[in-house]
Structures are given as C-alpha cells and as structure tokens.
Amino acid sequence: MERIPNLKNFTLSRYANKFSPGRVTANPGRKAVLSVSTKSYIRKQIVNGTLKTAKAVHKYLVCTGHAISYSGTIKVMKSMNFHAKIKVKKPLLTKAQKARRLAWAEEHKNWTSDDWRRMVFSDETKVNVYGSDGCKYYWSRPDDKLQPHYLDLTVKGGGGSIMVRGCITYDGPGYTCWISEGTMKASDYVGILARQWFKDNNFKCDHTFNWPSQSPDLNPIEYIWHHLKLKLSAYDTRAKGVHELWNRVEKEWSTFTTENS
C-alpha cells in the first residue's frame, strides 16, 4: 500500500481491514530466538537429565549455531516453566550398600506394629551454635534494597557446635547426652553408656539391629533431630556458647512426647 502523506498508520490499517479483510500480513514483533522444535528437544533433554544445568543448555545452543546469551538461555528455560531449585542432599549409595538396604527391608517387611514398638532407635547429630549447615532463604521484591535480615551472618570457625546423642522409643524420647568435643574416645564412651542404658531397660544384645550403612532415612529419630533444630532456631537470640546451646538442647528435648515428637 502506497504511503499517503499526513495519514496515520492506524487509519490505513482500519481501511485495509475494511476493504481487504483476507489479506496476508507479516507477523508482528521480534522473531523467536528458538524454534518450537528446538525448545521441545531442550525440554526433553532437561527432563531426562542429559542437560543438567543452564550452562549445559547454553553450551548446546551455542554449539548448534544459536546466537543467544547465557541470560537469554535462562529466560528461555523460565518461559518453558523450568526454575532453579537447590538439590536435596542424599547419601551416595554403592551397589553393595543398596543390596544390603534391600536385604534389610526384605528381612523386616513382615514385622507388625507390635514388633516395631519394641525397638529403640538411637543416633547422634551435630548441633551448631550458629544454626544449620544447610541453605537458607529470604523473601524480597525485585526492587528491594539489601537488608540486614537478608544476610546469613557467619563466625570464623563456625561459632562452635556440639555432638548430641539420643534415642526414641514407642513410649517417647529416651536419653540424650552431649558427646564432648570431638574425640572418638568420647564417642565410644557414650556408646558404652548407651549400651548400659539398653541393658538397664531390659534390652539384650541379641535385640540389636545390623543396621545398613548410609541409611539415615531408615531411622525415625532423624525426624526428631529435625524438630529439635527447628525449636532451637526459634530462639530470639543465639546461644552464647556450646554450654548454653546444650542447656537449650536439654530443655527442648524434655518437651518431646509421643504426641508432639
């Protein structure tokens, strides 16, 4: 259509739509960086784990002739509804360890509730003065300035930690104790005390499990450690040292019952 001076594009389009409704028009907007088939291929490769990271996706696109930046790659992945998440940590299991886990499960698959309620589950965990070893998050809006509560403050050397050993039974939590800083001898000594506790409470040595290695998920006391650390993190102030931390551990452990643990 020839351009007429002083005539706006809107007017031209209105008359064109009126008198030539079936005309073929060019697609408006910027041409897509990636084709539908390329996006479909990338989607499959991400889902099946061939392309594990945004860097891997970007490298693939560049190697196949696509002029796209790393940030552009991330935008494309987000447009495909992929979002970065922190990987959940799980113990690395060898084939032998997997076989032992399966054998253990097969051995106990027919146990009844009465069988399990006779068991005592014991374990130890590390409790830090300055909170969890894991990842922490904060919520903010895109334009918010950095605030003090967005930071995870650290102390050189970690601020101290204690090893805590405890046990749980069907009737509720059992003993808990602080394993003195860090020697295997201290840990062994606590093991002796634990065995004595079992003996005093009418548990015999032949009642102990051959527990498969690398299998914390099989021990329900892990849930108690999680609740304990949540309670400790709810304090308004940090413990001033390991002794105050242990006092808090003892206090919170004593609040656990069969209903809330």
C-alpha atoms as a PDB file:
ATOM      1  CA  MET A   1       0.000   0.000   0.000  1.00  0.00           C
ATOM      2  CA  GLU A   2       1.399   3.373  -1.012  1.00  0.00           C
ATOM      3  CA  ARG A   3       2.052   5.784   1.819  1.00  0.00           C
ATOM      4  CA  ILE A   4      -0.247   8.850   1.815  1.00  0.00           C
ATOM      5  CA  PRO A   5       1.185  11.986   3.462  1.00  0.00           C
ATOM      6  CA  ASN A   6      -0.299  13.035   6.822  1.00  0.00           C
ATOM      7  CA  LEU A   7      -2.274   9.793   7.122  1.00  0.00           C
ATOM      8  CA  LYS A   8      -1.687   7.778  10.270  1.00  0.00           C
ATOM      9  CA  ASN A   9      -0.906   4.060  10.212  1.00  0.00           C
ATOM     10  CA  PHE A  10      -3.997   3.345  12.324  1.00  0.00           C
ATOM     11  CA  THR A  11      -6.230   4.902   9.654  1.00  0.00           C
ATOM     12  CA  LEU A  12      -4.525   2.942   6.900  1.00  0.00           C
ATOM     13  CA  SER A  13      -4.947  -0.314   8.828  1.00  0.00           C
ATOM     14  CA  ARG A  14      -8.620   0.400   9.520  1.00  0.00           C
ATOM     15  CA  TYR A  15      -9.387   0.910   5.825  1.00  0.00           C
ATOM     16  CA  ALA A  16      -7.239  -2.069   4.861  1.00  0.00           C
ATOM     17  CA  ASN A  17      -9.183  -4.290   7.272  1.00  0.00           C
ATOM     18  CA  LYS A  18     -12.443  -2.952   5.881  1.00  0.00           C
ATOM     19  CA  PHE A  19     -11.730  -3.398   2.188  1.00  0.00           C
ATOM     20  CA  SER A  20      -9.190  -6.263   2.266  1.00  0.00           C
ATOM     21  CA  PRO A  21     -10.123  -8.460   5.253  1.00  0.00           C
ATOM     22  CA  GLY A  22      -8.431 -11.550   3.840  1.00  0.00           C
ATOM     23  CA  ARG A  23      -5.082 -10.003   3.110  1.00  0.00           C
ATOM     24  CA  VAL A  24      -1.870 -11.733   4.280  1.00  0.00           C
ATOM     25  CA  THR A  25       0.107  -9.694   6.807  1.00  0.00           C
ATOM     26  CA  ALA A  26       3.590 -10.141   8.198  1.00  0.00           C
ATOM     27  CA  ASN A  27       3.902 -11.492  11.727  1.00  0.00           C
ATOM     28  CA  PRO A  28       4.436  -8.545  14.085  1.00  0.00           C
ATOM     29  CA  GLY A  29       7.099  -8.479  16.757  1.00  0.00           C
ATOM     30  CA  ARG A  30      10.563  -9.896  17.081  1.00  0.00           C
ATOM     31  CA  LYS A  31      11.265 -13.289  15.606  1.00  0.00           C
ATOM     32  CA  ALA A  32      11.609 -16.052  18.201  1.00  0.00           C
ATOM     33  CA  VAL A  33      15.205 -16.912  19.067  1.00  0.00           C
ATOM     34  CA  LEU A  34      14.456 -20.651  19.230  1.00  0.00           C
ATOM     35  CA  SER A  35      12.091 -22.700  17.132  1.00  0.00           C
ATOM     36  CA  VAL A  36       9.317 -24.791  18.634  1.00  0.00           C
ATOM     37  CA  SER A  37      11.172 -27.988  17.744  1.00  0.00           C
ATOM     38  CA  THR A  38      14.385 -26.765  19.398  1.00  0.00           C
ATOM     39  CA  LYS A  39      12.506 -25.893  22.584  1.00  0.00           C
ATOM     40  CA  SER A  40      10.817 -29.287  22.523  1.00  0.00           C
ATOM     41  CA  TYR A  41      14.196 -31.024  22.188  1.00  0.00           C
ATOM     42  CA  ILE A  42      15.712 -28.984  25.026  1.00  0.00           C
ATOM     43  CA  ARG A  43      12.716 -29.725  27.231  1.00  0.00           C
ATOM     44  CA  LYS A  44      13.199 -33.464  26.749  1.00  0.00           C
ATOM     45  CA  GLN A  45      16.945 -33.258  27.412  1.00  0.00           C
ATOM     46  CA  ILE A  46      16.395 -31.332  30.658  1.00  0.00           C
ATOM     47  CA  VAL A  47      13.717 -33.736  31.869  1.00  0.00           C
ATOM     48  CA  ASN A  48      15.797 -36.849  31.189  1.00  0.00           C
ATOM     49  CA  GLY A  49      18.907 -35.293  32.759  1.00  0.00           C
ATOM     50  CA  THR A  50      21.092 -35.039  29.662  1.00  0.00           C
ATOM     51  CA  LEU A  51      21.240 -31.258  30.046  1.00  0.00           C
ATOM     52  CA  LYS A  52      21.560 -30.761  33.796  1.00  0.00           C
ATOM     53  CA  THR A  53      22.298 -27.043  34.119  1.00  0.00           C
ATOM     54  CA  ALA A  54      21.613 -23.719  32.413  1.00  0.00           C
ATOM     55  CA  LYS A  55      25.285 -23.650  31.397  1.00  0.00           C
ATOM     56  CA  ALA A  56      24.882 -27.008  29.681  1.00  0.00           C
ATOM     57  CA  VAL A  57      21.797 -25.764  27.813  1.00  0.00           C
ATOM     58  CA  HIS A  58      23.599 -22.566  26.788  1.00  0.00           C
ATOM     59  CA  LYS A  59      26.641 -24.502  25.566  1.00  0.00           C
ATOM     60  CA  TYR A  60      24.421 -26.792  23.496  1.00  0.00           C
ATOM     61  CA  LEU A  61      22.596 -23.856  21.892  1.00  0.00           C
ATOM     62  CA  VAL A  62      25.828 -22.025  21.043  1.00  0.00           C
ATOM     63  CA  CYS A  63      27.369 -25.199  19.598  1.00  0.00           C
ATOM     64  CA  THR A  64      24.308 -25.690  17.381  1.00  0.00           C
ATOM     65  CA  GLY A  65      24.594 -22.179  15.927  1.00  0.00           C
ATOM     66  CA  HIS A  66      22.147 -20.179  18.039  1.00  0.00           C
ATOM     67  CA  ALA A  67      23.208 -16.622  18.857  1.00  0.00           C
ATOM     68  CA  ILE A  68      21.951 -16.479  22.424  1.00  0.00           C
ATOM     69  CA  SER A  69      23.475 -15.239  25.670  1.00  0.00           C
ATOM     70  CA  TYR A  70      23.601 -17.116  28.966  1.00  0.00           C
ATOM     71  CA  SER A  71      20.984 -14.797  30.474  1.00  0.00           C
ATOM     72  CA  GLY A  72      18.857 -15.313  27.373  1.00  0.00           C
ATOM     73  CA  THR A  73      19.122 -19.064  27.875  1.00  0.00           C
ATOM     74  CA  ILE A  74      17.849 -18.708  31.440  1.00  0.00           C
ATOM     75  CA  LYS A  75      14.902 -16.618  30.201  1.00  0.00           C
ATOM     76  CA  VAL A  76      14.043 -19.288  27.650  1.00  0.00           C
ATOM     77  CA  MET A  77      14.189 -22.011  30.320  1.00  0.00           C
ATOM     78  CA  LYS A  78      11.924 -19.979  32.599  1.00  0.00           C
ATOM     79  CA  SER A  79       9.491 -19.432  29.727  1.00  0.00           C
ATOM     80  CA  MET A  80       9.347 -23.242  29.472  1.00  0.00           C
ATOM     81  CA  ASN A  81       8.441 -23.321  33.195  1.00  0.00           C
ATOM     82  CA  PHE A  82      11.821 -24.576  34.412  1.00  0.00           C
ATOM     83  CA  HIS A  83      13.024 -22.930  37.634  1.00  0.00           C
ATOM     84  CA  ALA A  84      16.262 -23.447  39.559  1.00  0.00           C
ATOM     85  CA  LYS A  85      15.979 -25.276  42.874  1.00  0.00           C
ATOM     86  CA  ILE A  86      18.563 -26.407  45.392  1.00  0.00           C
ATOM     87  CA  LYS A  87      19.339 -30.102  45.133  1.00  0.00           C
ATOM     88  CA  VAL A  88      18.270 -32.269  48.038  1.00  0.00           C
ATOM     89  CA  LYS A  89      21.299 -33.928  49.623  1.00  0.00           C
ATOM     90  CA  LYS A  90      21.149 -37.707  49.863  1.00  0.00           C
ATOM     91  CA  PRO A  91      23.821 -40.225  50.894  1.00  0.00           C
ATOM     92  CA  LEU A  92      25.757 -41.705  47.986  1.00  0.00           C
ATOM     93  CA  LEU A  93      24.992 -45.421  47.865  1.00  0.00           C
ATOM     94  CA  THR A  94      27.163 -48.093  46.260  1.00  0.00           C
ATOM     95  CA  LYS A  95      25.645 -51.207  44.697  1.00  0.00           C
ATOM     96  CA  ALA A  96      26.661 -53.233  47.757  1.00  0.00           C
ATOM     97  CA  GLN A  97      25.008 -50.740  50.102  1.00  0.00           C
ATOM     98  CA  LYS A  98      21.838 -50.770  48.011  1.00  0.00           C
ATOM     99  CA  ALA A  99      21.819 -54.570  48.157  1.00  0.00           C
ATOM    100  CA  ARG A 100      22.179 -54.516  51.954  1.00  0.00           C
ATOM    101  CA  ARG A 101      19.351 -51.988  52.260  1.00  0.00           C
ATOM    102  CA  LEU A 102      17.108 -54.192  50.142  1.00  0.00           C
ATOM    103  CA  ALA A 103      18.040 -57.285  52.162  1.00  0.00           C
ATOM    104  CA  TRP A 104      17.299 -55.409  55.402  1.00  0.00           C
ATOM    105  CA  ALA A 105      13.903 -54.327  54.070  1.00  0.00           C
ATOM    106  CA  GLU A 106      13.084 -57.871  52.954  1.00  0.00           C
ATOM    107  CA  GLU A 107      14.060 -59.208  56.381  1.00  0.00           C
ATOM    108  CA  HIS A 108      11.712 -56.854  58.209  1.00  0.00           C
ATOM    109  CA  LYS A 109       8.879 -56.402  55.708  1.00  0.00           C
ATOM    110  CA  ASN A 110       6.527 -58.690  57.658  1.00  0.00           C
ATOM    111  CA  TRP A 111       7.096 -57.069  61.027  1.00  0.00           C
ATOM    112  CA  THR A 112       3.935 -55.981  62.799  1.00  0.00           C
ATOM    113  CA  SER A 113       3.294 -52.812  64.794  1.00  0.00           C
ATOM    114  CA  ASP A 114       3.949 -54.807  67.965  1.00  0.00           C
ATOM    115  CA  ASP A 115       7.365 -55.815  66.632  1.00  0.00           C
ATOM    116  CA  TRP A 116       8.362 -52.229  65.856  1.00  0.00           C
ATOM    117  CA  ARG A 117       7.104 -50.771  69.123  1.00  0.00           C
ATOM    118  CA  ARG A 118       9.645 -52.944  70.978  1.00  0.00           C
ATOM    119  CA  MET A 119      12.529 -51.207  69.232  1.00  0.00           C
ATOM    120  CA  VAL A 120      14.717 -48.327  70.436  1.00  0.00           C
ATOM    121  CA  PHE A 121      16.217 -46.093  67.750  1.00  0.00           C
ATOM    122  CA  SER A 122      19.474 -44.350  68.675  1.00  0.00           C
ATOM    123  CA  ASP A 123      21.660 -41.915  66.753  1.00  0.00           C
ATOM    124  CA  GLU A 124      23.786 -38.787  67.054  1.00  0.00           C
ATOM    125  CA  THR A 125      23.694 -35.401  65.321  1.00  0.00           C
ATOM    126  CA  LYS A 126      25.688 -32.169  65.191  1.00  0.00           C
ATOM    127  CA  VAL A 127      24.054 -29.003  66.516  1.00  0.00           C
ATOM    128  CA  ASN A 128      25.669 -25.672  65.608  1.00  0.00           C
ATOM    129  CA  VAL A 129      25.703 -22.530  67.726  1.00  0.00           C
ATOM    130  CA  TYR A 130      25.152 -20.568  64.520  1.00  0.00           C
ATOM    131  CA  GLY A 131      22.368 -22.657  63.086  1.00  0.00           C
ATOM    132  CA  SER A 132      22.079 -25.186  60.302  1.00  0.00           C
ATOM    133  CA  ASP A 133      24.794 -26.265  57.871  1.00  0.00           C
ATOM    134  CA  GLY A 134      22.183 -26.186  55.114  1.00  0.00           C
ATOM    135  CA  CYS A 135      20.911 -23.495  52.749  1.00  0.00           C
ATOM    136  CA  LYS A 136      18.859 -20.543  53.932  1.00  0.00           C
ATOM    137  CA  TYR A 137      16.476 -18.314  52.034  1.00  0.00           C
ATOM    138  CA  TYR A 138      14.838 -14.914  52.326  1.00  0.00           C
ATOM    139  CA  TRP A 139      11.873 -13.308  50.600  1.00  0.00           C
ATOM    140  CA  SER A 140      12.165  -9.945  48.850  1.00  0.00           C
ATOM    141  CA  ARG A 141      10.721  -7.984  45.957  1.00  0.00           C
ATOM    142  CA  PRO A 142      12.775  -7.302  42.809  1.00  0.00           C
ATOM    143  CA  ASP A 143      13.374  -3.619  43.656  1.00  0.00           C
ATOM    144  CA  ASP A 144      14.058  -4.065  47.385  1.00  0.00           C
ATOM    145  CA  LYS A 145      17.423  -2.882  48.684  1.00  0.00           C
ATOM    146  CA  LEU A 146      19.695  -5.253  50.578  1.00  0.00           C
ATOM    147  CA  GLN A 147      18.589  -5.511  54.204  1.00  0.00           C
ATOM    148  CA  PRO A 148      20.472  -6.909  57.245  1.00  0.00           C
ATOM    149  CA  HIS A 149      17.957  -9.720  57.674  1.00  0.00           C
ATOM    150  CA  TYR A 150      18.712 -10.881  54.110  1.00  0.00           C
ATOM    151  CA  LEU A 151      22.198 -11.930  55.256  1.00  0.00           C
ATOM    152  CA  ASP A 152      23.287 -15.190  56.831  1.00  0.00           C
ATOM    153  CA  LEU A 153      25.939 -13.959  59.255  1.00  0.00           C
ATOM    154  CA  THR A 154      28.835 -16.323  59.883  1.00  0.00           C
ATOM    155  CA  VAL A 155      31.554 -16.563  62.503  1.00  0.00           C
ATOM    156  CA  LYS A 156      35.116 -17.689  61.820  1.00  0.00           C
ATOM    157  CA  GLY A 157      35.363 -21.313  62.873  1.00  0.00           C
ATOM    158  CA  GLY A 158      31.587 -21.685  62.804  1.00  0.00           C
ATOM    159  CA  GLY A 159      30.941 -20.396  66.339  1.00  0.00           C
ATOM    160  CA  GLY A 160      31.152 -23.874  67.828  1.00  0.00           C
ATOM    161  CA  SER A 161      29.000 -26.979  67.761  1.00  0.00           C
ATOM    162  CA  ILE A 162      28.155 -30.000  69.881  1.00  0.00           C
ATOM    163  CA  MET A 163      27.519 -33.635  69.064  1.00  0.00           C
ATOM    164  CA  VAL A 164      24.319 -34.865  70.671  1.00  0.00           C
ATOM    165  CA  ARG A 165      23.314 -38.498  71.060  1.00  0.00           C
ATOM    166  CA  GLY A 166      19.814 -39.620  71.894  1.00  0.00           C
ATOM    167  CA  CYS A 167      17.221 -42.317  71.405  1.00  0.00           C
ATOM    168  CA  ILE A 168      13.488 -42.678  70.919  1.00  0.00           C
ATOM    169  CA  THR A 169      11.042 -45.447  71.771  1.00  0.00           C
ATOM    170  CA  TYR A 170       7.386 -46.185  71.146  1.00  0.00           C
ATOM    171  CA  ASP A 171       6.629 -44.563  74.507  1.00  0.00           C
ATOM    172  CA  GLY A 172       8.502 -41.369  73.644  1.00  0.00           C
ATOM    173  CA  PRO A 173      12.060 -39.990  73.687  1.00  0.00           C
ATOM    174  CA  GLY A 174      14.654 -41.733  75.849  1.00  0.00           C
ATOM    175  CA  TYR A 175      18.045 -40.479  76.998  1.00  0.00           C
ATOM    176  CA  THR A 176      20.023 -37.644  75.428  1.00  0.00           C
ATOM    177  CA  CYS A 177      23.628 -36.658  76.120  1.00  0.00           C
ATOM    178  CA  TRP A 178      26.341 -34.317  74.893  1.00  0.00           C
ATOM    179  CA  ILE A 179      29.346 -36.045  73.357  1.00  0.00           C
ATOM    180  CA  SER A 180      32.317 -33.950  74.492  1.00  0.00           C
ATOM    181  CA  GLU A 181      34.186 -32.117  71.791  1.00  0.00           C
ATOM    182  CA  GLY A 182      35.152 -34.274  69.260  1.00  0.00           C
ATOM    183  CA  THR A 183      37.224 -37.324  70.017  1.00  0.00           C
ATOM    184  CA  MET A 184      36.413 -40.859  69.019  1.00  0.00           C
ATOM    185  CA  LYS A 185      37.121 -41.927  72.595  1.00  0.00           C
ATOM    186  CA  ALA A 186      34.329 -39.686  73.815  1.00  0.00           C
ATOM    187  CA  SER A 187      32.013 -41.134  71.185  1.00  0.00           C
ATOM    188  CA  ASP A 188      32.981 -44.674  72.168  1.00  0.00           C
ATOM    189  CA  TYR A 189      32.370 -43.833  75.815  1.00  0.00           C
ATOM    190  CA  VAL A 190      28.881 -42.600  75.027  1.00  0.00           C
ATOM    191  CA  GLY A 191      28.284 -45.827  73.115  1.00  0.00           C
ATOM    192  CA  ILE A 192      29.146 -47.764  76.267  1.00  0.00           C
ATOM    193  CA  LEU A 193      26.708 -45.621  78.253  1.00  0.00           C
ATOM    194  CA  ALA A 194      24.038 -46.191  75.620  1.00  0.00           C
ATOM    195  CA  ARG A 195      24.504 -49.961  75.768  1.00  0.00           C
ATOM    196  CA  GLN A 196      24.287 -49.785  79.555  1.00  0.00           C
ATOM    197  CA  TRP A 197      21.029 -47.836  79.267  1.00  0.00           C
ATOM    198  CA  PHE A 198      19.616 -50.518  76.970  1.00  0.00           C
ATOM    199  CA  LYS A 199      20.688 -53.188  79.462  1.00  0.00           C
ATOM    200  CA  ASP A 200      19.119 -51.330  82.395  1.00  0.00           C
ATOM    201  CA  ASN A 201      15.876 -51.139  80.443  1.00  0.00           C
ATOM    202  CA  ASN A 202      15.795 -54.885  79.691  1.00  0.00           C
ATOM    203  CA  PHE A 203      17.117 -54.761  76.123  1.00  0.00           C
ATOM    204  CA  LYS A 204      19.523 -57.585  75.310  1.00  0.00           C
ATOM    205  CA  CYS A 205      22.448 -57.543  72.911  1.00  0.00           C
ATOM    206  CA  ASP A 206      20.720 -60.012  70.614  1.00  0.00           C
ATOM    207  CA  HIS A 207      17.962 -57.435  70.154  1.00  0.00           C
ATOM    208  CA  THR A 208      20.224 -55.038  68.270  1.00  0.00           C
ATOM    209  CA  PHE A 209      19.937 -54.414  64.528  1.00  0.00           C
ATOM    210  CA  ASN A 210      22.556 -54.991  61.905  1.00  0.00           C
ATOM    211  CA  TRP A 211      21.854 -51.541  60.512  1.00  0.00           C
ATOM    212  CA  PRO A 212      22.680 -50.989  56.801  1.00  0.00           C
ATOM    213  CA  SER A 213      25.284 -48.260  56.300  1.00  0.00           C
ATOM    214  CA  GLN A 214      24.469 -44.929  54.648  1.00  0.00           C
ATOM    215  CA  SER A 215      20.801 -45.286  55.609  1.00  0.00           C
ATOM    216  CA  PRO A 216      19.760 -42.419  57.889  1.00  0.00           C
ATOM    217  CA  ASP A 217      16.373 -42.362  56.159  1.00  0.00           C
ATOM    218  CA  LEU A 218      15.555 -45.720  57.781  1.00  0.00           C
ATOM    219  CA  ASN A 219      15.941 -44.279  61.274  1.00  0.00           C
ATOM    220  CA  PRO A 220      12.866 -42.362  62.506  1.00  0.00           C
ATOM    221  CA  ILE A 221      14.971 -40.418  65.009  1.00  0.00           C
ATOM    222  CA  GLU A 222      16.007 -38.215  62.065  1.00  0.00           C
ATOM    223  CA  TYR A 223      12.575 -36.579  62.314  1.00  0.00           C
ATOM    224  CA  ILE A 224      13.210 -35.793  65.993  1.00  0.00           C
ATOM    225  CA  TRP A 225      16.536 -34.157  65.159  1.00  0.00           C
ATOM    226  CA  HIS A 226      14.716 -32.041  62.591  1.00  0.00           C
ATOM    227  CA  HIS A 227      12.101 -30.896  65.131  1.00  0.00           C
ATOM    228  CA  LEU A 228      14.794 -30.243  67.733  1.00  0.00           C
ATOM    229  CA  LYS A 229      16.742 -27.973  65.388  1.00  0.00           C
ATOM    230  CA  LEU A 230      13.564 -26.128  64.401  1.00  0.00           C
ATOM    231  CA  LYS A 231      12.891 -25.413  68.081  1.00  0.00           C
ATOM    232  CA  LEU A 232      16.462 -24.207  68.591  1.00  0.00           C
ATOM    233  CA  SER A 233      16.229 -21.924  65.563  1.00  0.00           C
ATOM    234  CA  ALA A 234      13.094 -20.297  67.044  1.00  0.00           C
ATOM    235  CA  TYR A 235      15.075 -18.651  69.869  1.00  0.00           C
ATOM    236  CA  ASP A 236      15.276 -14.857  69.521  1.00  0.00           C
ATOM    237  CA  THR A 237      18.998 -14.825  70.341  1.00  0.00           C
ATOM    238  CA  ARG A 238      21.822 -17.197  69.526  1.00  0.00           C
ATOM    239  CA  ALA A 239      23.391 -19.290  72.263  1.00  0.00           C
ATOM    240  CA  LYS A 240      26.455 -17.547  73.725  1.00  0.00           C
ATOM    241  CA  GLY A 241      28.459 -20.752  73.535  1.00  0.00           C
ATOM    242  CA  VAL A 242      28.289 -24.521  73.479  1.00  0.00           C
ATOM    243  CA  HIS A 243      27.272 -24.791  77.141  1.00  0.00           C
ATOM    244  CA  GLU A 244      24.246 -22.549  76.682  1.00  0.00           C
ATOM    245  CA  LEU A 245      23.463 -24.446  73.478  1.00  0.00           C
ATOM    246  CA  TRP A 246      23.472 -27.743  75.383  1.00  0.00           C
ATOM    247  CA  ASN A 247      21.151 -26.268  78.038  1.00  0.00           C
ATOM    248  CA  ARG A 248      18.717 -25.379  75.274  1.00  0.00           C
ATOM    249  CA  VAL A 249      19.003 -28.853  73.759  1.00  0.00           C
ATOM    250  CA  GLU A 250      18.211 -30.451  77.126  1.00  0.00           C
ATOM    251  CA  LYS A 251      15.276 -28.114  77.678  1.00  0.00           C
ATOM    252  CA  GLU A 252      13.717 -28.725  74.259  1.00  0.00           C
ATOM    253  CA  TRP A 253      14.370 -32.481  74.358  1.00  0.00           C
ATOM    254  CA  SER A 254      12.457 -32.695  77.645  1.00  0.00           C
ATOM    255  CA  THR A 255       9.376 -31.183  75.968  1.00  0.00           C
ATOM    256  CA  PHE A 256       9.065 -34.006  73.425  1.00  0.00           C
ATOM    257  CA  THR A 257       6.268 -36.511  73.991  1.00  0.00           C
ATOM    258  CA  THR A 258       4.605 -39.198  71.898  1.00  0.00           C
ATOM    259  CA  GLU A 259       2.105 -36.553  70.762  1.00  0.00           C
ATOM    260  CA  ASN A 260       4.489 -33.812  69.615  1.00  0.00           C
ATOM    261  CA  SER A 261       7.611 -35.734  68.539  1.00  0.00           C
END
